[in-house]
Amino acid sequence: MQKLTGKYMKVMREQKKDIEILFIDEISMVTYQMLCMIENRLQKLKTDNVLFGGINLIVFDDLMQRPPIRGSQVFNQPQYMAPAIHLWQLFTLVELRNNM
């Protein structure tokens, strides 16, 4: 991921300033490491001291499908990251049961 510095940071912040909700489909293909990178980038773009930059995330998927090709599944925090906050535990599960 490209670093956010100087002019690039200013342009990105201006482009993303109105984002309040981020939708991610196929979350089972996102590794835990990628979720951390998303969280870090959103903090840098929006608000440094708030998780995910204060943006609400809505994710979709069937977590019983195929895992990501490399890295830990989004809900499995790797051991080497264990002292850090477990980002997946911040999500609230809403299970859809009826197919309409």
N, C-alpha and C. Protein backbone atom coordinates (compact mmCIF):
# COMPACT_ATOMS: atom_id res chain seq x y z
N MET A 1 0.84 -1.17 0.00
CA MET A 1 0.00 0.00 0.00
C MET A 1 0.89 1.24 0.00
N GLN A 2 0.54 2.21 -0.83
CA GLN A 2 1.32 3.44 -0.90
C GLN A 2 1.16 4.24 0.38
N LYS A 3 2.29 4.81 0.85
CA LYS A 3 2.24 5.62 2.06
C LYS A 3 1.46 6.90 1.80
N LEU A 4 0.77 7.36 2.83
CA LEU A 4 0.03 8.62 2.75
C LEU A 4 0.89 9.74 3.31
N THR A 5 1.45 10.54 2.42
CA THR A 5 2.27 11.66 2.86
C THR A 5 2.02 12.86 1.96
N GLY A 6 2.27 14.02 2.49
CA GLY A 6 2.24 15.27 1.73
C GLY A 6 1.00 15.48 0.88
N LYS A 7 1.26 15.77 -0.40
CA LYS A 7 0.19 16.10 -1.35
C LYS A 7 -0.76 14.93 -1.54
N TYR A 8 -0.22 13.71 -1.61
CA TYR A 8 -1.06 12.51 -1.79
C TYR A 8 -2.04 12.36 -0.63
N MET A 9 -1.56 12.58 0.59
CA MET A 9 -2.42 12.51 1.78
C MET A 9 -3.53 13.56 1.69
N LYS A 10 -3.17 14.76 1.31
CA LYS A 10 -4.16 15.85 1.22
C LYS A 10 -5.24 15.52 0.19
N VAL A 11 -4.84 15.01 -0.98
CA VAL A 11 -5.79 14.65 -2.04
C VAL A 11 -6.70 13.53 -1.57
N MET A 12 -6.13 12.49 -0.97
CA MET A 12 -6.91 11.34 -0.49
C MET A 12 -7.90 11.77 0.59
N ARG A 13 -7.46 12.60 1.52
CA ARG A 13 -8.37 13.06 2.58
C ARG A 13 -9.54 13.86 2.00
N GLU A 14 -9.25 14.69 1.01
CA GLU A 14 -10.31 15.49 0.38
C GLU A 14 -11.30 14.58 -0.35
N GLN A 15 -10.79 13.57 -1.05
CA GLN A 15 -11.66 12.65 -1.80
C GLN A 15 -12.53 11.81 -0.88
N LYS A 16 -12.01 11.45 0.28
CA LYS A 16 -12.70 10.51 1.18
C LYS A 16 -13.38 11.18 2.37
N LYS A 17 -13.40 12.50 2.41
CA LYS A 17 -13.87 13.21 3.60
C LYS A 17 -15.32 12.93 3.97
N ASP A 18 -16.16 12.62 2.99
CA ASP A 18 -17.59 12.43 3.27
C ASP A 18 -17.98 10.97 3.50
N ILE A 19 -17.02 10.08 3.49
CA ILE A 19 -17.34 8.66 3.69
C ILE A 19 -17.77 8.43 5.14
N GLU A 20 -18.93 7.82 5.31
CA GLU A 20 -19.43 7.47 6.64
C GLU A 20 -19.57 5.97 6.81
N ILE A 21 -19.83 5.27 5.69
CA ILE A 21 -20.02 3.82 5.73
C ILE A 21 -19.18 3.19 4.63
N LEU A 22 -18.52 2.09 4.96
CA LEU A 22 -17.75 1.32 3.98
C LEU A 22 -18.34 -0.08 3.93
N PHE A 23 -18.76 -0.51 2.75
CA PHE A 23 -19.29 -1.85 2.55
C PHE A 23 -18.19 -2.73 1.98
N ILE A 24 -18.01 -3.91 2.56
CA ILE A 24 -17.05 -4.88 2.04
C ILE A 24 -17.79 -6.18 1.80
N ASP A 25 -17.84 -6.60 0.54
CA ASP A 25 -18.46 -7.88 0.19
C ASP A 25 -17.36 -8.93 0.12
N GLU A 26 -17.73 -10.19 0.32
CA GLU A 26 -16.77 -11.31 0.30
C GLU A 26 -15.69 -11.13 1.37
N ILE A 27 -16.09 -10.78 2.58
CA ILE A 27 -15.13 -10.55 3.67
C ILE A 27 -14.31 -11.80 3.99
N SER A 28 -14.80 -12.98 3.63
CA SER A 28 -14.04 -14.20 3.90
C SER A 28 -12.75 -14.24 3.08
N MET A 29 -12.65 -13.45 2.03
CA MET A 29 -11.43 -13.40 1.22
C MET A 29 -10.44 -12.36 1.75
N VAL A 30 -10.82 -11.62 2.77
CA VAL A 30 -9.95 -10.62 3.39
C VAL A 30 -9.21 -11.29 4.54
N THR A 31 -7.89 -11.16 4.57
CA THR A 31 -7.11 -11.72 5.67
C THR A 31 -7.21 -10.80 6.89
N TYR A 32 -6.86 -11.33 8.05
CA TYR A 32 -6.84 -10.49 9.25
C TYR A 32 -5.84 -9.35 9.07
N GLN A 33 -4.71 -9.67 8.43
CA GLN A 33 -3.69 -8.66 8.18
C GLN A 33 -4.23 -7.53 7.30
N MET A 34 -5.02 -7.89 6.28
CA MET A 34 -5.62 -6.87 5.40
C MET A 34 -6.64 -6.03 6.17
N LEU A 35 -7.40 -6.65 7.06
CA LEU A 35 -8.34 -5.89 7.89
C LEU A 35 -7.58 -4.85 8.72
N CYS A 36 -6.42 -5.23 9.24
CA CYS A 36 -5.59 -4.29 10.00
C CYS A 36 -5.10 -3.15 9.11
N MET A 37 -4.75 -3.47 7.87
CA MET A 37 -4.30 -2.44 6.93
C MET A 37 -5.44 -1.48 6.58
N ILE A 38 -6.65 -2.02 6.41
CA ILE A 38 -7.82 -1.18 6.15
C ILE A 38 -8.06 -0.25 7.33
N GLU A 39 -8.00 -0.81 8.54
CA GLU A 39 -8.21 -0.01 9.76
C GLU A 39 -7.17 1.10 9.85
N ASN A 40 -5.93 0.77 9.60
CA ASN A 40 -4.85 1.75 9.67
C ASN A 40 -5.03 2.87 8.64
N ARG A 41 -5.39 2.49 7.42
CA ARG A 41 -5.56 3.50 6.36
C ARG A 41 -6.74 4.42 6.68
N LEU A 42 -7.84 3.86 7.17
CA LEU A 42 -9.00 4.69 7.50
C LEU A 42 -8.68 5.65 8.63
N GLN A 43 -7.88 5.20 9.61
CA GLN A 43 -7.48 6.11 10.69
C GLN A 43 -6.67 7.27 10.14
N LYS A 44 -5.76 6.98 9.22
CA LYS A 44 -4.92 8.04 8.67
C LYS A 44 -5.72 9.01 7.80
N LEU A 45 -6.75 8.49 7.13
CA LEU A 45 -7.57 9.35 6.27
C LEU A 45 -8.58 10.18 7.04
N LYS A 46 -9.09 9.65 8.12
CA LYS A 46 -10.18 10.31 8.83
C LYS A 46 -9.75 10.84 10.20
N THR A 47 -9.74 9.98 11.20
CA THR A 47 -9.45 10.38 12.57
C THR A 47 -8.46 9.40 13.18
N ASP A 48 -7.27 9.89 13.52
CA ASP A 48 -6.20 9.02 13.99
C ASP A 48 -6.51 8.26 15.27
N ASN A 49 -7.30 8.82 16.16
CA ASN A 49 -7.48 8.19 17.47
C ASN A 49 -8.76 7.37 17.59
N VAL A 50 -9.43 7.10 16.47
CA VAL A 50 -10.67 6.33 16.49
C VAL A 50 -10.52 5.12 15.58
N LEU A 51 -10.93 3.95 16.06
CA LEU A 51 -10.82 2.74 15.24
C LEU A 51 -11.56 2.92 13.92
N PHE A 52 -10.96 2.45 12.85
CA PHE A 52 -11.48 2.57 11.49
C PHE A 52 -11.80 4.02 11.12
N GLY A 53 -11.12 4.96 11.78
CA GLY A 53 -11.32 6.37 11.48
C GLY A 53 -12.72 6.86 11.75
N GLY A 54 -13.48 6.11 12.56
CA GLY A 54 -14.85 6.49 12.86
C GLY A 54 -15.84 6.11 11.76
N ILE A 55 -15.37 5.40 10.74
CA ILE A 55 -16.24 4.96 9.64
C ILE A 55 -16.90 3.65 10.03
N ASN A 56 -18.19 3.53 9.76
CA ASN A 56 -18.92 2.28 10.01
C ASN A 56 -18.64 1.30 8.89
N LEU A 57 -18.32 0.07 9.24
CA LEU A 57 -18.10 -0.98 8.24
C LEU A 57 -19.27 -1.94 8.26
N ILE A 58 -19.75 -2.28 7.09
CA ILE A 58 -20.77 -3.31 6.94
C ILE A 58 -20.16 -4.34 6.00
N VAL A 59 -20.02 -5.56 6.50
CA VAL A 59 -19.38 -6.61 5.71
C VAL A 59 -20.38 -7.73 5.44
N PHE A 60 -20.19 -8.39 4.30
CA PHE A 60 -21.09 -9.45 3.88
C PHE A 60 -20.29 -10.68 3.52
N ASP A 61 -20.88 -11.85 3.73
CA ASP A 61 -20.28 -13.08 3.23
C ASP A 61 -20.83 -14.28 3.96
N ASP A 62 -20.49 -15.42 3.45
CA ASP A 62 -20.70 -16.69 4.11
C ASP A 62 -19.32 -17.11 4.60
N LEU A 63 -19.07 -16.99 5.89
CA LEU A 63 -17.73 -17.26 6.43
C LEU A 63 -17.34 -18.73 6.37
N MET A 64 -18.25 -19.58 5.95
CA MET A 64 -17.93 -21.00 5.81
C MET A 64 -17.42 -21.31 4.40
N GLN A 65 -17.31 -20.29 3.57
CA GLN A 65 -16.77 -20.48 2.22
C GLN A 65 -15.25 -20.57 2.28
N ARG A 66 -14.64 -20.57 1.13
CA ARG A 66 -13.17 -20.69 1.05
C ARG A 66 -12.47 -19.58 1.83
N PRO A 67 -11.38 -19.94 2.49
CA PRO A 67 -10.58 -18.93 3.19
C PRO A 67 -9.69 -18.18 2.20
N PRO A 68 -9.05 -17.10 2.65
CA PRO A 68 -8.12 -16.39 1.77
C PRO A 68 -6.97 -17.30 1.35
N ILE A 69 -6.36 -17.00 0.23
CA ILE A 69 -5.28 -17.84 -0.29
C ILE A 69 -4.07 -17.80 0.64
N ARG A 70 -3.71 -16.62 1.11
CA ARG A 70 -2.58 -16.47 2.05
C ARG A 70 -3.05 -15.68 3.26
N GLY A 71 -2.45 -15.97 4.40
CA GLY A 71 -2.78 -15.20 5.60
C GLY A 71 -3.90 -15.82 6.41
N SER A 72 -4.14 -15.24 7.55
CA SER A 72 -5.16 -15.73 8.49
C SER A 72 -6.55 -15.28 8.05
N GLN A 73 -7.54 -16.12 8.33
CA GLN A 73 -8.92 -15.72 8.07
C GLN A 73 -9.22 -14.47 8.89
N VAL A 74 -10.14 -13.67 8.40
CA VAL A 74 -10.42 -12.36 8.98
C VAL A 74 -10.80 -12.44 10.46
N PHE A 75 -11.33 -13.56 10.90
CA PHE A 75 -11.74 -13.70 12.31
C PHE A 75 -10.67 -14.37 13.17
N ASN A 76 -9.53 -14.77 12.59
CA ASN A 76 -8.44 -15.41 13.33
C ASN A 76 -7.25 -14.47 13.45
N GLN A 77 -7.09 -13.88 14.61
CA GLN A 77 -5.96 -12.99 14.84
C GLN A 77 -4.69 -13.83 14.98
N PRO A 78 -3.65 -13.57 14.17
CA PRO A 78 -2.40 -14.34 14.28
C PRO A 78 -1.76 -14.15 15.66
N GLN A 79 -1.06 -15.17 16.12
CA GLN A 79 -0.42 -15.13 17.45
C GLN A 79 0.49 -13.93 17.61
N TYR A 80 1.27 -13.60 16.56
CA TYR A 80 2.22 -12.49 16.68
C TYR A 80 1.52 -11.14 16.84
N MET A 81 0.21 -11.09 16.60
CA MET A 81 -0.55 -9.85 16.78
C MET A 81 -1.39 -9.88 18.05
N ALA A 82 -1.27 -10.93 18.82
CA ALA A 82 -2.15 -11.18 19.97
C ALA A 82 -2.24 -10.04 20.99
N PRO A 83 -1.17 -9.33 21.31
CA PRO A 83 -1.34 -8.26 22.30
C PRO A 83 -2.24 -7.11 21.81
N ALA A 84 -2.37 -6.96 20.51
CA ALA A 84 -3.18 -5.87 19.96
C ALA A 84 -4.67 -6.19 20.07
N ILE A 85 -5.49 -5.17 19.91
CA ILE A 85 -6.94 -5.36 19.95
C ILE A 85 -7.36 -6.29 18.80
N HIS A 86 -8.29 -7.18 19.07
CA HIS A 86 -8.78 -8.13 18.06
C HIS A 86 -9.90 -7.43 17.29
N LEU A 87 -9.58 -6.94 16.09
CA LEU A 87 -10.51 -6.12 15.32
C LEU A 87 -11.82 -6.83 15.00
N TRP A 88 -11.74 -8.13 14.69
CA TRP A 88 -12.96 -8.85 14.30
C TRP A 88 -13.97 -8.86 15.43
N GLN A 89 -13.51 -8.84 16.68
CA GLN A 89 -14.43 -8.87 17.81
C GLN A 89 -15.20 -7.55 17.97
N LEU A 90 -14.85 -6.54 17.22
CA LEU A 90 -15.57 -5.26 17.25
C LEU A 90 -16.84 -5.31 16.41
N PHE A 91 -16.96 -6.32 15.55
CA PHE A 91 -18.11 -6.43 14.66
C PHE A 91 -19.27 -7.11 15.39
N THR A 92 -20.48 -6.73 15.01
CA THR A 92 -21.69 -7.37 15.52
C THR A 92 -22.26 -8.25 14.41
N LEU A 93 -22.46 -9.52 14.72
CA LEU A 93 -22.99 -10.46 13.73
C LEU A 93 -24.50 -10.31 13.61
N VAL A 94 -24.95 -10.18 12.38
CA VAL A 94 -26.38 -10.21 12.07
C VAL A 94 -26.53 -11.32 11.04
N GLU A 95 -27.15 -12.40 11.46
CA GLU A 95 -27.28 -13.57 10.59
C GLU A 95 -28.62 -13.52 9.86
N LEU A 96 -28.54 -13.61 8.55
CA LEU A 96 -29.75 -13.64 7.73
C LEU A 96 -30.16 -15.10 7.56
N ARG A 97 -31.36 -15.42 7.94
CA ARG A 97 -31.81 -16.82 7.92
C ARG A 97 -32.86 -17.10 6.86
N ASN A 98 -33.62 -16.11 6.47
CA ASN A 98 -34.70 -16.32 5.50
C ASN A 98 -34.29 -15.83 4.12
N ASN A 99 -34.49 -16.68 3.14
CA ASN A 99 -34.24 -16.31 1.76
C ASN A 99 -35.56 -15.87 1.15
N MET A 100 -35.68 -14.62 0.82
CA MET A 100 -36.96 -14.10 0.33
C MET A 100 -36.93 -13.92 -1.17
